Amino acid sequence: AGTKRLRHPIVGDLSLDYLVLAVEGDPDQTLTIYTPEPA
């Protein structure tokens, strides 16, 4: 979990919180969810 900062070529800087979830039954796979702070 944490915050990722990205620079998009059109909209500029983005700050997204992320959460990495393990896929049950397959330790080699994960699901990463990125969300911005509302508003």
Full PDB file with SEQRES, HELIX, SHEET, SSBOND, CRYST1, ORIGX, SCALE, CONECT and MASTER records, all heavy atoms in Angstrom:
SEQRES   1 A   39  ALA GLY THR LYS ARG LEU ARG HIS PRO ILE VAL GLY ASP          
SEQRES   2 A   39  LEU SER LEU ASP TYR LEU VAL LEU ALA VAL GLU GLY ASP          
SEQRES   3 A   39  PRO ASP GLN THR LEU THR ILE TYR THR PRO GLU PRO ALA          
SHEET    1 AA1 3 GLY A   2  HIS A   8  0                                        
SHEET    2 AA1 3 GLY A  12  ALA A  22 -1                                        
SHEET    3 AA1 3 THR A  30  PRO A  36 -1                                        
CRYST1    1.000    1.000    1.000  90.00  90.00  90.00 P 1           1          
ORIGX1      1.000000  0.000000  0.000000        0.00000                         
ORIGX2      0.000000  1.000000  0.000000        0.00000                         
ORIGX3      0.000000  0.000000  1.000000        0.00000                         
SCALE1      1.000000  0.000000  0.000000        0.00000                         
SCALE2      0.000000  1.000000  0.000000        0.00000                         
SCALE3      0.000000  0.000000  1.000000        0.00000                         
ATOM      1  N   ALA A   1       0.855  -1.181   0.000  1.00  0.00           N  
ATOM      2  CA  ALA A   1       0.000   0.000   0.000  1.00  0.00           C  
ATOM      3  C   ALA A   1       0.891   1.231   0.000  1.00  0.00           C  
ATOM      4  O   ALA A   1       2.026   1.197   0.463  1.00  0.00           O  
ATOM      5  CB  ALA A   1      -0.915   0.003   1.220  1.00  0.00           C  
ATOM      6  N   GLY A   2       0.366   2.306  -0.546  1.00  0.00           N  
ATOM      7  CA  GLY A   2       1.128   3.542  -0.567  1.00  0.00           C  
ATOM      8  C   GLY A   2       0.550   4.514  -1.573  1.00  0.00           C  
ATOM      9  O   GLY A   2      -0.602   4.407  -1.979  1.00  0.00           O  
ATOM     10  N   THR A   3       1.383   5.466  -1.982  1.00  0.00           N  
ATOM     11  CA  THR A   3       0.986   6.472  -2.960  1.00  0.00           C  
ATOM     12  C   THR A   3       1.971   6.446  -4.106  1.00  0.00           C  
ATOM     13  O   THR A   3       3.181   6.394  -3.895  1.00  0.00           O  
ATOM     14  CB  THR A   3       0.960   7.873  -2.312  1.00  0.00           C  
ATOM     15  OG1 THR A   3       0.044   7.867  -1.232  1.00  0.00           O  
ATOM     16  CG2 THR A   3       0.537   8.933  -3.314  1.00  0.00           C  
ATOM     17  N   LYS A   4       1.445   6.465  -5.310  1.00  0.00           N  
ATOM     18  CA  LYS A   4       2.269   6.468  -6.522  1.00  0.00           C  
ATOM     19  C   LYS A   4       2.054   7.803  -7.220  1.00  0.00           C  
ATOM     20  O   LYS A   4       0.925   8.248  -7.386  1.00  0.00           O  
ATOM     21  CB  LYS A   4       1.831   5.316  -7.422  1.00  0.00           C  
ATOM     22  CG  LYS A   4       2.686   5.082  -8.610  1.00  0.00           C  
ATOM     23  CD  LYS A   4       3.939   4.395  -8.204  1.00  0.00           C  
ATOM     24  CE  LYS A   4       4.315   3.338  -9.209  1.00  0.00           C  
ATOM     25  NZ  LYS A   4       5.557   2.718  -8.887  1.00  0.00           N  
ATOM     26  N   ARG A   5       3.148   8.428  -7.608  1.00  0.00           N  
ATOM     27  CA  ARG A   5       3.068   9.675  -8.363  1.00  0.00           C  
ATOM     28  C   ARG A   5       3.481   9.410  -9.799  1.00  0.00           C  
ATOM     29  O   ARG A   5       4.533   8.830 -10.042  1.00  0.00           O  
ATOM     30  CB  ARG A   5       3.954  10.728  -7.719  1.00  0.00           C  
ATOM     31  CG  ARG A   5       3.349  11.225  -6.421  1.00  0.00           C  
ATOM     32  CD  ARG A   5       4.272  12.130  -5.643  1.00  0.00           C  
ATOM     33  NE  ARG A   5       3.671  12.639  -4.429  1.00  0.00           N  
ATOM     34  CZ  ARG A   5       3.383  11.940  -3.350  1.00  0.00           C  
ATOM     35  NH1 ARG A   5       3.594  10.653  -3.332  1.00  0.00           N  
ATOM     36  NH2 ARG A   5       2.850  12.481  -2.278  1.00  0.00           N  
ATOM     37  N   LEU A   6       2.623   9.825 -10.722  1.00  0.00           N  
ATOM     38  CA  LEU A   6       2.843   9.600 -12.143  1.00  0.00           C  
ATOM     39  C   LEU A   6       2.719  10.922 -12.891  1.00  0.00           C  
ATOM     40  O   LEU A   6       2.048  11.846 -12.430  1.00  0.00           O  
ATOM     41  CB  LEU A   6       1.798   8.629 -12.698  1.00  0.00           C  
ATOM     42  CG  LEU A   6       1.607   7.308 -11.963  1.00  0.00           C  
ATOM     43  CD1 LEU A   6       0.330   6.638 -12.404  1.00  0.00           C  
ATOM     44  CD2 LEU A   6       2.790   6.417 -12.221  1.00  0.00           C  
ATOM     45  N   ARG A   7       3.339  10.984 -14.050  1.00  0.00           N  
ATOM     46  CA  ARG A   7       3.164  12.148 -14.920  1.00  0.00           C  
ATOM     47  C   ARG A   7       2.569  11.666 -16.233  1.00  0.00           C  
ATOM     48  O   ARG A   7       3.202  10.917 -16.970  1.00  0.00           O  
ATOM     49  CB  ARG A   7       4.487  12.841 -15.176  1.00  0.00           C  
ATOM     50  CG  ARG A   7       4.315  14.062 -16.090  1.00  0.00           C  
ATOM     51  CD  ARG A   7       5.505  14.909 -16.088  1.00  0.00           C  
ATOM     52  NE  ARG A   7       5.707  15.337 -14.711  1.00  0.00           N  
ATOM     53  CZ  ARG A   7       6.254  16.473 -14.350  1.00  0.00           C  
ATOM     54  NH1 ARG A   7       6.674  17.288 -15.256  1.00  0.00           N  
ATOM     55  NH2 ARG A   7       6.403  16.785 -13.086  1.00  0.00           N  
ATOM     56  N   HIS A   8       1.351  12.099 -16.509  1.00  0.00           N  
ATOM     57  CA  HIS A   8       0.665  11.743 -17.751  1.00  0.00           C  
ATOM     58  C   HIS A   8       0.981  12.821 -18.786  1.00  0.00           C  
ATOM     59  O   HIS A   8       0.992  14.012 -18.451  1.00  0.00           O  
ATOM     60  CB  HIS A   8      -0.845  11.649 -17.503  1.00  0.00           C  
ATOM     61  CG  HIS A   8      -1.594  11.095 -18.656  1.00  0.00           C  
ATOM     62  ND1 HIS A   8      -1.988  11.878 -19.715  1.00  0.00           N  
ATOM     63  CD2 HIS A   8      -2.011   9.834 -18.938  1.00  0.00           C  
ATOM     64  CE1 HIS A   8      -2.630  11.133 -20.590  1.00  0.00           C  
ATOM     65  NE2 HIS A   8      -2.650   9.890 -20.144  1.00  0.00           N  
ATOM     66  N   PRO A   9       1.217  12.436 -20.048  1.00  0.00           N  
ATOM     67  CA  PRO A   9       1.612  13.435 -21.038  1.00  0.00           C  
ATOM     68  C   PRO A   9       0.541  14.485 -21.350  1.00  0.00           C  
ATOM     69  O   PRO A   9       0.864  15.560 -21.841  1.00  0.00           O  
ATOM     70  CB  PRO A   9       1.934  12.602 -22.284  1.00  0.00           C  
ATOM     71  CG  PRO A   9       1.267  11.300 -22.080  1.00  0.00           C  
ATOM     72  CD  PRO A   9       1.192  11.086 -20.600  1.00  0.00           C  
ATOM     73  N   ILE A  10      -0.714  14.207 -21.043  1.00  0.00           N  
ATOM     74  CA  ILE A  10      -1.775  15.168 -21.359  1.00  0.00           C  
ATOM     75  C   ILE A  10      -2.284  15.892 -20.114  1.00  0.00           C  
ATOM     76  O   ILE A  10      -2.386  17.110 -20.106  1.00  0.00           O  
ATOM     77  CB  ILE A  10      -2.942  14.471 -22.093  1.00  0.00           C  
ATOM     78  CG1 ILE A  10      -2.437  13.942 -23.434  1.00  0.00           C  
ATOM     79  CG2 ILE A  10      -4.127  15.417 -22.275  1.00  0.00           C  
ATOM     80  CD1 ILE A  10      -3.419  13.095 -24.169  1.00  0.00           C  
ATOM     81  N   VAL A  11      -2.594  15.156 -19.052  1.00  0.00           N  
ATOM     82  CA  VAL A  11      -3.197  15.786 -17.869  1.00  0.00           C  
ATOM     83  C   VAL A  11      -2.186  16.139 -16.786  1.00  0.00           C  
ATOM     84  O   VAL A  11      -2.547  16.741 -15.786  1.00  0.00           O  
ATOM     85  CB  VAL A  11      -4.327  14.906 -17.278  1.00  0.00           C  
ATOM     86  CG1 VAL A  11      -5.458  14.763 -18.269  1.00  0.00           C  
ATOM     87  CG2 VAL A  11      -3.802  13.564 -16.817  1.00  0.00           C  
ATOM     88  N   GLY A  12      -0.937  15.764 -16.974  1.00  0.00           N  
ATOM     89  CA  GLY A  12       0.092  16.162 -16.017  1.00  0.00           C  
ATOM     90  C   GLY A  12       0.235  15.210 -14.843  1.00  0.00           C  
ATOM     91  O   GLY A  12       0.030  14.007 -14.959  1.00  0.00           O  
ATOM     92  N   ASP A  13       0.577  15.789 -13.702  1.00  0.00           N  
ATOM     93  CA  ASP A  13       0.891  14.995 -12.512  1.00  0.00           C  
ATOM     94  C   ASP A  13      -0.358  14.364 -11.909  1.00  0.00           C  
ATOM     95  O   ASP A  13      -1.405  15.003 -11.807  1.00  0.00           O  
ATOM     96  CB  ASP A  13       1.576  15.858 -11.457  1.00  0.00           C  
ATOM     97  CG  ASP A  13       2.950  16.323 -11.895  1.00  0.00           C  
ATOM     98  OD1 ASP A  13       3.563  15.639 -12.744  1.00  0.00           O  
ATOM     99  OD2 ASP A  13       3.416  17.357 -11.387  1.00  0.00           O  
ATOM    100  N   LEU A  14      -0.216  13.095 -11.526  1.00  0.00           N  
ATOM    101  CA  LEU A  14      -1.281  12.351 -10.851  1.00  0.00           C  
ATOM    102  C   LEU A  14      -0.713  11.779  -9.563  1.00  0.00           C  
ATOM    103  O   LEU A  14       0.424  11.302  -9.532  1.00  0.00           O  
ATOM    104  CB  LEU A  14      -1.784  11.192 -11.717  1.00  0.00           C  
ATOM    105  CG  LEU A  14      -2.417  11.548 -13.046  1.00  0.00           C  
ATOM    106  CD1 LEU A  14      -2.603  10.293 -13.889  1.00  0.00           C  
ATOM    107  CD2 LEU A  14      -3.737  12.255 -12.840  1.00  0.00           C  
ATOM    108  N   SER A  15      -1.499  11.813  -8.518  1.00  0.00           N  
ATOM    109  CA  SER A  15      -1.138  11.176  -7.259  1.00  0.00           C  
ATOM    110  C   SER A  15      -2.232  10.158  -6.947  1.00  0.00           C  
ATOM    111  O   SER A  15      -3.398  10.519  -6.755  1.00  0.00           O  
ATOM    112  CB  SER A  15      -1.046  12.222  -6.139  1.00  0.00           C  
ATOM    113  OG  SER A  15      -0.689  11.613  -4.930  1.00  0.00           O  
ATOM    114  N   LEU A  16      -1.847   8.882  -6.939  1.00  0.00           N  
ATOM    115  CA  LEU A  16      -2.818   7.800  -6.759  1.00  0.00           C  
ATOM    116  C   LEU A  16      -2.426   6.922  -5.587  1.00  0.00           C  
ATOM    117  O   LEU A  16      -1.266   6.520  -5.467  1.00  0.00           O  
ATOM    118  CB  LEU A  16      -2.896   6.949  -8.024  1.00  0.00           C  
ATOM    119  CG  LEU A  16      -3.219   7.694  -9.324  1.00  0.00           C  
ATOM    120  CD1 LEU A  16      -3.063   6.759 -10.503  1.00  0.00           C  
ATOM    121  CD2 LEU A  16      -4.613   8.278  -9.272  1.00  0.00           C  
ATOM    122  N   ASP A  17      -3.387   6.641  -4.727  1.00  0.00           N  
ATOM    123  CA  ASP A  17      -3.156   5.664  -3.667  1.00  0.00           C  
ATOM    124  C   ASP A  17      -3.258   4.287  -4.288  1.00  0.00           C  
ATOM    125  O   ASP A  17      -4.051   4.066  -5.209  1.00  0.00           O  
ATOM    126  CB  ASP A  17      -4.201   5.813  -2.555  1.00  0.00           C  
ATOM    127  CG  ASP A  17      -4.086   7.139  -1.829  1.00  0.00           C  
ATOM    128  OD1 ASP A  17      -2.965   7.686  -1.760  1.00  0.00           O  
ATOM    129  OD2 ASP A  17      -5.111   7.630  -1.329  1.00  0.00           O  
ATOM    130  N   TYR A  18      -2.443   3.350  -3.801  1.00  0.00           N  
ATOM    131  CA  TYR A  18      -2.524   1.999  -4.346  1.00  0.00           C  
ATOM    132  C   TYR A  18      -2.598   0.976  -3.224  1.00  0.00           C  
ATOM    133  O   TYR A  18      -2.169   1.217  -2.097  1.00  0.00           O  
ATOM    134  CB  TYR A  18      -1.353   1.686  -5.282  1.00  0.00           C  
ATOM    135  CG  TYR A  18      -0.011   1.550  -4.609  1.00  0.00           C  
ATOM    136  CD1 TYR A  18       0.428   0.312  -4.134  1.00  0.00           C  
ATOM    137  CD2 TYR A  18       0.830   2.635  -4.468  1.00  0.00           C  
ATOM    138  CE1 TYR A  18       1.659   0.184  -3.524  1.00  0.00           C  
ATOM    139  CE2 TYR A  18       2.062   2.515  -3.863  1.00  0.00           C  
ATOM    140  CZ  TYR A  18       2.480   1.283  -3.387  1.00  0.00           C  
ATOM    141  OH  TYR A  18       3.696   1.164  -2.774  1.00  0.00           O  
ATOM    142  N   LEU A  19      -3.172  -0.155  -3.569  1.00  0.00           N  
ATOM    143  CA  LEU A  19      -3.304  -1.296  -2.674  1.00  0.00           C  
ATOM    144  C   LEU A  19      -3.031  -2.542  -3.495  1.00  0.00           C  
ATOM    145  O   LEU A  19      -3.626  -2.728  -4.560  1.00  0.00           O  
ATOM    146  CB  LEU A  19      -4.717  -1.348  -2.081  1.00  0.00           C  
ATOM    147  CG  LEU A  19      -5.037  -2.483  -1.129  1.00  0.00           C  
ATOM    148  CD1 LEU A  19      -4.165  -2.401   0.124  1.00  0.00           C  
ATOM    149  CD2 LEU A  19      -6.498  -2.443  -0.749  1.00  0.00           C  
ATOM    150  N   VAL A  20      -2.111  -3.377  -3.033  1.00  0.00           N  
ATOM    151  CA  VAL A  20      -1.773  -4.609  -3.733  1.00  0.00           C  
ATOM    152  C   VAL A  20      -2.415  -5.776  -2.982  1.00  0.00           C  
ATOM    153  O   VAL A  20      -2.212  -5.933  -1.782  1.00  0.00           O  
ATOM    154  CB  VAL A  20      -0.240  -4.805  -3.813  1.00  0.00           C  
ATOM    155  CG1 VAL A  20       0.094  -6.106  -4.530  1.00  0.00           C  
ATOM    156  CG2 VAL A  20       0.414  -3.618  -4.506  1.00  0.00           C  
ATOM    157  N   LEU A  21      -3.199  -6.562  -3.701  1.00  0.00           N  
ATOM    158  CA  LEU A  21      -3.889  -7.706  -3.115  1.00  0.00           C  
ATOM    159  C   LEU A  21      -3.319  -8.989  -3.698  1.00  0.00           C  
ATOM    160  O   LEU A  21      -3.093  -9.083  -4.902  1.00  0.00           O  
ATOM    161  CB  LEU A  21      -5.387  -7.638  -3.410  1.00  0.00           C  
ATOM    162  CG  LEU A  21      -6.095  -6.358  -2.957  1.00  0.00           C  
ATOM    163  CD1 LEU A  21      -7.512  -6.326  -3.501  1.00  0.00           C  
ATOM    164  CD2 LEU A  21      -6.086  -6.248  -1.452  1.00  0.00           C  
ATOM    165  N   ALA A  22      -3.098  -9.965  -2.839  1.00  0.00           N  
ATOM    166  CA  ALA A  22      -2.624 -11.268  -3.294  1.00  0.00           C  
ATOM    167  C   ALA A  22      -3.789 -12.045  -3.886  1.00  0.00           C  
ATOM    168  O   ALA A  22      -4.922 -11.953  -3.413  1.00  0.00           O  
ATOM    169  CB  ALA A  22      -2.034 -12.048  -2.115  1.00  0.00           C  
ATOM    170  N   VAL A  23      -3.501 -12.791  -4.932  1.00  0.00           N  
ATOM    171  CA  VAL A  23      -4.510 -13.651  -5.541  1.00  0.00           C  
ATOM    172  C   VAL A  23      -4.432 -14.990  -4.824  1.00  0.00           C  
ATOM    173  O   VAL A  23      -3.408 -15.676  -4.887  1.00  0.00           O  
ATOM    174  CB  VAL A  23      -4.268 -13.813  -7.055  1.00  0.00           C  
ATOM    175  CG1 VAL A  23      -5.255 -14.802  -7.653  1.00  0.00           C  
ATOM    176  CG2 VAL A  23      -4.363 -12.458  -7.744  1.00  0.00           C  
ATOM    177  N   GLU A  24      -5.506 -15.345  -4.153  1.00  0.00           N  
ATOM    178  CA  GLU A  24      -5.516 -16.585  -3.387  1.00  0.00           C  
ATOM    179  C   GLU A  24      -5.334 -17.780  -4.318  1.00  0.00           C  
ATOM    180  O   GLU A  24      -5.961 -17.870  -5.364  1.00  0.00           O  
ATOM    181  CB  GLU A  24      -6.837 -16.716  -2.627  1.00  0.00           C  
ATOM    182  CG  GLU A  24      -6.822 -17.829  -1.614  1.00  0.00           C  
ATOM    183  CD  GLU A  24      -8.075 -17.823  -0.746  1.00  0.00           C  
ATOM    184  OE1 GLU A  24      -8.535 -16.733  -0.383  1.00  0.00           O  
ATOM    185  OE2 GLU A  24      -8.558 -18.917  -0.454  1.00  0.00           O  
ATOM    186  N   GLY A  25      -4.431 -18.653  -3.968  1.00  0.00           N  
ATOM    187  CA  GLY A  25      -4.197 -19.853  -4.757  1.00  0.00           C  
ATOM    188  C   GLY A  25      -3.103 -19.694  -5.798  1.00  0.00           C  
ATOM    189  O   GLY A  25      -2.708 -20.672  -6.418  1.00  0.00           O  
ATOM    190  N   ASP A  26      -2.631 -18.460  -6.022  1.00  0.00           N  
ATOM    191  CA  ASP A  26      -1.544 -18.252  -6.983  1.00  0.00           C  
ATOM    192  C   ASP A  26      -0.632 -17.146  -6.464  1.00  0.00           C  
ATOM    193  O   ASP A  26      -0.871 -15.965  -6.711  1.00  0.00           O  
ATOM    194  CB  ASP A  26      -2.092 -17.883  -8.356  1.00  0.00           C  
ATOM    195  CG  ASP A  26      -1.010 -17.916  -9.431  1.00  0.00           C  
ATOM    196  OD1 ASP A  26       0.188 -17.928  -9.079  1.00  0.00           O  
ATOM    197  OD2 ASP A  26      -1.361 -17.921 -10.614  1.00  0.00           O  
ATOM    198  N   PRO A  27       0.413 -17.508  -5.737  1.00  0.00           N  
ATOM    199  CA  PRO A  27       1.277 -16.501  -5.126  1.00  0.00           C  
ATOM    200  C   PRO A  27       2.064 -15.662  -6.136  1.00  0.00           C  
ATOM    201  O   PRO A  27       2.608 -14.623  -5.783  1.00  0.00           O  
ATOM    202  CB  PRO A  27       2.224 -17.333  -4.255  1.00  0.00           C  
ATOM    203  CG  PRO A  27       2.212 -18.691  -4.861  1.00  0.00           C  
ATOM    204  CD  PRO A  27       0.850 -18.867  -5.461  1.00  0.00           C  
ATOM    205  N   ASP A  28       2.095 -16.073  -7.399  1.00  0.00           N  
ATOM    206  CA  ASP A  28       2.819 -15.309  -8.416  1.00  0.00           C  
ATOM    207  C   ASP A  28       1.986 -14.178  -9.011  1.00  0.00           C  
ATOM    208  O   ASP A  28       2.501 -13.394  -9.806  1.00  0.00           O  
ATOM    209  CB  ASP A  28       3.289 -16.228  -9.538  1.00  0.00           C  
ATOM    210  CG  ASP A  28       4.345 -17.215  -9.068  1.00  0.00           C  
ATOM    211  OD1 ASP A  28       5.084 -16.872  -8.122  1.00  0.00           O  
ATOM    212  OD2 ASP A  28       4.417 -18.316  -9.640  1.00  0.00           O  
ATOM    213  N   GLN A  29       0.706 -14.103  -8.662  1.00  0.00           N  
ATOM    214  CA  GLN A  29      -0.152 -13.064  -9.213  1.00  0.00           C  
ATOM    215  C   GLN A  29      -0.641 -12.137  -8.118  1.00  0.00           C  
ATOM    216  O   GLN A  29      -0.894 -12.562  -6.990  1.00  0.00           O  
ATOM    217  CB  GLN A  29      -1.357 -13.671  -9.921  1.00  0.00           C  
ATOM    218  CG  GLN A  29      -0.983 -14.421 -11.176  1.00  0.00           C  
ATOM    219  CD  GLN A  29      -2.220 -14.780 -11.980  1.00  0.00           C  
ATOM    220  OE1 GLN A  29      -3.218 -14.080 -11.952  1.00  0.00           O  
ATOM    221  NE2 GLN A  29      -2.133 -15.874 -12.706  1.00  0.00           N  
ATOM    222  N   THR A  30      -0.779 -10.859  -8.470  1.00  0.00           N  
ATOM    223  CA  THR A  30      -1.344  -9.871  -7.557  1.00  0.00           C  
ATOM    224  C   THR A  30      -2.295  -8.977  -8.342  1.00  0.00           C  
ATOM    225  O   THR A  30      -2.232  -8.894  -9.569  1.00  0.00           O  
ATOM    226  CB  THR A  30      -0.263  -8.985  -6.914  1.00  0.00           C  
ATOM    227  OG1 THR A  30       0.467  -8.312  -7.945  1.00  0.00           O  
ATOM    228  CG2 THR A  30       0.691  -9.796  -6.045  1.00  0.00           C  
ATOM    229  N   LEU A  31      -3.166  -8.317  -7.617  1.00  0.00           N  
ATOM    230  CA  LEU A  31      -4.075  -7.340  -8.188  1.00  0.00           C  
ATOM    231  C   LEU A  31      -3.743  -6.005  -7.541  1.00  0.00           C  
ATOM    232  O   LEU A  31      -3.755  -5.886  -6.314  1.00  0.00           O  
ATOM    233  CB  LEU A  31      -5.532  -7.721  -7.905  1.00  0.00           C  
ATOM    234  CG  LEU A  31      -6.586  -6.700  -8.308  1.00  0.00           C  
ATOM    235  CD1 LEU A  31      -6.618  -6.530  -9.818  1.00  0.00           C  
ATOM    236  CD2 LEU A  31      -7.937  -7.120  -7.779  1.00  0.00           C  
ATOM    237  N   THR A  32      -3.419  -5.006  -8.342  1.00  0.00           N  
ATOM    238  CA  THR A  32      -3.093  -3.688  -7.817  1.00  0.00           C  
ATOM    239  C   THR A  32      -4.217  -2.728  -8.183  1.00  0.00           C  
ATOM    240  O   THR A  32      -4.624  -2.640  -9.341  1.00  0.00           O  
ATOM    241  CB  THR A  32      -1.758  -3.174  -8.393  1.00  0.00           C  
ATOM    242  OG1 THR A  32      -0.743  -4.153  -8.137  1.00  0.00           O  
ATOM    243  CG2 THR A  32      -1.361  -1.862  -7.749  1.00  0.00           C  
ATOM    244  N   ILE A  33      -4.712  -2.023  -7.171  1.00  0.00           N  
ATOM    245  CA  ILE A  33      -5.805  -1.075  -7.349  1.00  0.00           C  
ATOM    246  C   ILE A  33      -5.268   0.327  -7.093  1.00  0.00           C  
ATOM    247  O   ILE A  33      -4.662   0.583  -6.058  1.00  0.00           O  
ATOM    248  CB  ILE A  33      -6.958  -1.390  -6.373  1.00  0.00           C  
ATOM    249  CG1 ILE A  33      -7.453  -2.825  -6.598  1.00  0.00           C  
ATOM    250  CG2 ILE A  33      -8.090  -0.372  -6.513  1.00  0.00           C  
ATOM    251  CD1 ILE A  33      -8.368  -3.332  -5.524  1.00  0.00           C  
ATOM    252  N   TYR A  34      -5.488   1.222  -8.055  1.00  0.00           N  
ATOM    253  CA  TYR A  34      -5.070   2.618  -7.935  1.00  0.00           C  
ATOM    254  C   TYR A  34      -6.314   3.492  -7.826  1.00  0.00           C  
ATOM    255  O   TYR A  34      -7.231   3.351  -8.642  1.00  0.00           O  
ATOM    256  CB  TYR A  34      -4.268   3.051  -9.165  1.00  0.00           C  
ATOM    257  CG  TYR A  34      -2.928   2.372  -9.285  1.00  0.00           C  
ATOM    258  CD1 TYR A  34      -2.786   1.212 -10.019  1.00  0.00           C  
ATOM    259  CD2 TYR A  34      -1.811   2.900  -8.663  1.00  0.00           C  
ATOM    260  CE1 TYR A  34      -1.555   0.581 -10.141  1.00  0.00           C  
ATOM    261  CE2 TYR A  34      -0.571   2.280  -8.778  1.00  0.00           C  
ATOM    262  CZ  TYR A  34      -0.456   1.127  -9.520  1.00  0.00           C  
ATOM    263  OH  TYR A  34       0.760   0.508  -9.629  1.00  0.00           O  
ATOM    264  N   THR A  35      -6.351   4.402  -6.853  1.00  0.00           N  
ATOM    265  CA  THR A  35      -7.477   5.303  -6.696  1.00  0.00           C  
ATOM    266  C   THR A  35      -6.972   6.701  -6.343  1.00  0.00           C  
ATOM    267  O   THR A  35      -6.030   6.843  -5.567  1.00  0.00           O  
ATOM    268  CB  THR A  35      -8.439   4.828  -5.584  1.00  0.00           C  
ATOM    269  OG1 THR A  35      -7.699   4.664  -4.372  1.00  0.00           O  
ATOM    270  CG2 THR A  35      -9.106   3.525  -5.940  1.00  0.00           C  
ATOM    271  N   PRO A  36      -7.619   7.716  -6.893  1.00  0.00           N  
ATOM    272  CA  PRO A  36      -7.257   9.083  -6.515  1.00  0.00           C  
ATOM    273  C   PRO A  36      -8.029   9.508  -5.267  1.00  0.00           C  
ATOM    274  O   PRO A  36      -9.068   8.921  -4.930  1.00  0.00           O  
ATOM    275  CB  PRO A  36      -7.701   9.906  -7.721  1.00  0.00           C  
ATOM    276  CG  PRO A  36      -8.900   9.167  -8.214  1.00  0.00           C  
ATOM    277  CD  PRO A  36      -8.595   7.705  -7.972  1.00  0.00           C  
ATOM    278  N   GLU A  37      -7.535  10.513  -4.591  1.00  0.00           N  
ATOM    279  CA  GLU A  37      -8.276  11.109  -3.471  1.00  0.00           C  
ATOM    280  C   GLU A  37      -9.528  11.758  -4.066  1.00  0.00           C  
ATOM    281  O   GLU A  37      -9.440  12.460  -5.085  1.00  0.00           O  
ATOM    282  CB  GLU A  37      -7.396  12.159  -2.788  1.00  0.00           C  
ATOM    283  CG  GLU A  37      -7.976  12.735  -1.533  1.00  0.00           C  
ATOM    284  CD  GLU A  37      -8.003  11.746  -0.383  1.00  0.00           C  
ATOM    285  OE1 GLU A  37      -7.119  10.885  -0.306  1.00  0.00           O  
ATOM    286  OE2 GLU A  37      -8.936  11.845   0.438  1.00  0.00           O  
ATOM    287  N   PRO A  38     -10.708  11.520  -3.489  1.00  0.00           N  
ATOM    288  CA  PRO A  38     -11.932  12.113  -4.044  1.00  0.00           C  
ATOM    289  C   PRO A  38     -11.825  13.645  -4.133  1.00  0.00           C  
ATOM    290  O   PRO A  38     -11.269  14.292  -3.254  1.00  0.00           O  
ATOM    291  CB  PRO A  38     -13.022  11.706  -3.045  1.00  0.00           C  
ATOM    292  CG  PRO A  38     -12.475  10.474  -2.389  1.00  0.00           C  
ATOM    293  CD  PRO A  38     -10.988  10.674  -2.333  1.00  0.00           C  
ATOM    294  N   ALA A  39     -12.339  14.195  -5.218  1.00  0.00           N  
ATOM    295  CA  ALA A  39     -12.388  15.642  -5.464  1.00  0.00           C  
ATOM    296  C   ALA A  39     -11.004  16.293  -5.543  1.00  0.00           C  
ATOM    297  O   ALA A  39     -10.878  17.493  -5.364  1.00  0.00           O  
ATOM    298  CB  ALA A  39     -13.254  16.345  -4.420  1.00  0.00           C  
TER     299      ALA A  39                                                      
MASTER        0    0    0    0    3    0    0    6  298    1    0    3          
END                                                                             
